[in-house]
């Protein structure tokens, strides 16, 4: 299976959406696990999976800035 190729604008949109997911993950992880709602737990799983899927795409990873990649790597997904 070959990877889809994105335009520069599409890549920027994918990166922005993934950085938004990073923010969601950070926000929910800041809540004590036992205090998380079911919605937060589901949202955490969805956003972590979204980031994992994007990080498996070479073009996506190549388009990240050093700071963006470090922020994602810090999540240790």
C-alpha atoms as a PDB file:
ATOM      1  CA  UNK A   1       0.000   0.000   0.000  1.00  0.00           C
ATOM      2  CA  UNK A   2       1.530   3.303  -1.061  1.00  0.00           C
ATOM      3  CA  UNK A   3       1.175   6.539   0.864  1.00  0.00           C
ATOM      4  CA  UNK A   4      -0.950   9.368  -0.434  1.00  0.00           C
ATOM      5  CA  UNK A   5       0.951  12.498  -1.463  1.00  0.00           C
ATOM      6  CA  UNK A   6      -0.318  15.802  -0.093  1.00  0.00           C
ATOM      7  CA  UNK A   7       0.117  19.331  -1.396  1.00  0.00           C
ATOM      8  CA  UNK A   8       1.896  21.808   0.887  1.00  0.00           C
ATOM      9  CA  UNK A   9      -1.472  23.227   1.959  1.00  0.00           C
ATOM     10  CA  UNK A  10      -2.883  19.778   2.711  1.00  0.00           C
ATOM     11  CA  UNK A  11       0.218  18.875   4.695  1.00  0.00           C
ATOM     12  CA  UNK A  12      -0.087  22.086   6.709  1.00  0.00           C
ATOM     13  CA  UNK A  13      -3.737  21.232   7.468  1.00  0.00           C
ATOM     14  CA  UNK A  14      -2.813  17.711   8.604  1.00  0.00           C
ATOM     15  CA  UNK A  15      -0.057  19.092  10.832  1.00  0.00           C
ATOM     16  CA  UNK A  16      -2.353  21.722  12.351  1.00  0.00           C
ATOM     17  CA  UNK A  17      -5.021  19.109  13.097  1.00  0.00           C
ATOM     18  CA  UNK A  18      -2.452  16.822  14.688  1.00  0.00           C
ATOM     19  CA  UNK A  19      -1.026  19.601  16.842  1.00  0.00           C
ATOM     20  CA  UNK A  20      -4.619  20.266  17.959  1.00  0.00           C
ATOM     21  CA  UNK A  21      -4.781  16.573  18.926  1.00  0.00           C
ATOM     22  CA  UNK A  22      -1.560  16.997  20.913  1.00  0.00           C
ATOM     23  CA  UNK A  23      -3.250  19.773  22.886  1.00  0.00           C
ATOM     24  CA  UNK A  24      -6.264  17.567  23.575  1.00  0.00           C
ATOM     25  CA  UNK A  25      -4.039  14.718  24.771  1.00  0.00           C
ATOM     26  CA  UNK A  26      -2.048  17.054  27.034  1.00  0.00           C
ATOM     27  CA  UNK A  27      -5.233  18.579  28.467  1.00  0.00           C
ATOM     28  CA  UNK A  28      -6.847  15.222  29.236  1.00  0.00           C
ATOM     29  CA  UNK A  29      -3.665  13.669  30.583  1.00  0.00           C
ATOM     30  CA  UNK A  30      -3.476  16.566  33.052  1.00  0.00           C
ATOM     31  CA  UNK A  31      -6.720  15.285  34.593  1.00  0.00           C
ATOM     32  CA  UNK A  32      -6.243  12.563  37.182  1.00  0.00           C
ATOM     33  CA  UNK A  33      -7.139   9.261  35.513  1.00  0.00           C
ATOM     34  CA  UNK A  34      -9.839   8.427  38.050  1.00  0.00           C
ATOM     35  CA  UNK A  35     -11.440  11.856  37.491  1.00  0.00           C
ATOM     36  CA  UNK A  36     -11.740  11.564  33.702  1.00  0.00           C
ATOM     37  CA  UNK A  37     -15.201  11.293  32.251  1.00  0.00           C
ATOM     38  CA  UNK A  38     -16.068   8.553  29.772  1.00  0.00           C
ATOM     39  CA  UNK A  39     -16.135  11.216  27.045  1.00  0.00           C
ATOM     40  CA  UNK A  40     -12.633  12.361  28.002  1.00  0.00           C
ATOM     41  CA  UNK A  41     -11.371   8.774  27.975  1.00  0.00           C
ATOM     42  CA  UNK A  42     -12.829   8.225  24.493  1.00  0.00           C
ATOM     43  CA  UNK A  43     -11.472  11.558  23.272  1.00  0.00           C
ATOM     44  CA  UNK A  44      -8.019  10.677  24.589  1.00  0.00           C
ATOM     45  CA  UNK A  45      -7.986   7.329  22.782  1.00  0.00           C
ATOM     46  CA  UNK A  46      -9.188   8.906  19.509  1.00  0.00           C
ATOM     47  CA  UNK A  47      -6.621  11.688  19.600  1.00  0.00           C
ATOM     48  CA  UNK A  48      -3.722   9.431  20.568  1.00  0.00           C
ATOM     49  CA  UNK A  49      -4.646   7.100  17.699  1.00  0.00           C
ATOM     50  CA  UNK A  50      -4.873  10.049  15.291  1.00  0.00           C
ATOM     51  CA  UNK A  51      -1.346  11.120  16.234  1.00  0.00           C
ATOM     52  CA  UNK A  52      -0.010   7.575  15.926  1.00  0.00           C
ATOM     53  CA  UNK A  53      -1.500   7.195  12.450  1.00  0.00           C
ATOM     54  CA  UNK A  54      -0.035  10.490  11.254  1.00  0.00           C
ATOM     55  CA  UNK A  55       3.406   9.662  12.691  1.00  0.00           C
ATOM     56  CA  UNK A  56       3.450   6.528  10.520  1.00  0.00           C
ATOM     57  CA  UNK A  57       3.332   8.693   7.362  1.00  0.00           C
ATOM     58  CA  UNK A  58       6.765   9.693   6.079  1.00  0.00           C
ATOM     59  CA  UNK A  59       5.638  12.908   4.379  1.00  0.00           C
ATOM     60  CA  UNK A  60       3.860  14.007   7.530  1.00  0.00           C
ATOM     61  CA  UNK A  61       6.875  13.442   9.786  1.00  0.00           C
ATOM     62  CA  UNK A  62       9.162  15.150   7.262  1.00  0.00           C
ATOM     63  CA  UNK A  63       6.909  18.218   7.300  1.00  0.00           C
ATOM     64  CA  UNK A  64       7.025  18.687  11.066  1.00  0.00           C
ATOM     65  CA  UNK A  65       9.181  21.386  12.595  1.00  0.00           C
ATOM     66  CA  UNK A  66      11.710  20.324  15.215  1.00  0.00           C
ATOM     67  CA  UNK A  67       9.463  21.778  17.934  1.00  0.00           C
ATOM     68  CA  UNK A  68       6.334  20.042  16.617  1.00  0.00           C
ATOM     69  CA  UNK A  69       8.119  16.687  16.456  1.00  0.00           C
ATOM     70  CA  UNK A  70       9.522  17.156  19.964  1.00  0.00           C
ATOM     71  CA  UNK A  71       6.055  17.960  21.298  1.00  0.00           C
ATOM     72  CA  UNK A  72       4.652  14.781  19.722  1.00  0.00           C
ATOM     73  CA  UNK A  73       7.605  12.660  20.848  1.00  0.00           C
ATOM     74  CA  UNK A  74       7.133  13.933  24.407  1.00  0.00           C
ATOM     75  CA  UNK A  75       3.744  12.175  24.489  1.00  0.00           C
ATOM     76  CA  UNK A  76       5.520   8.822  24.189  1.00  0.00           C
ATOM     77  CA  UNK A  77       2.800   7.183  22.131  1.00  0.00           C
END
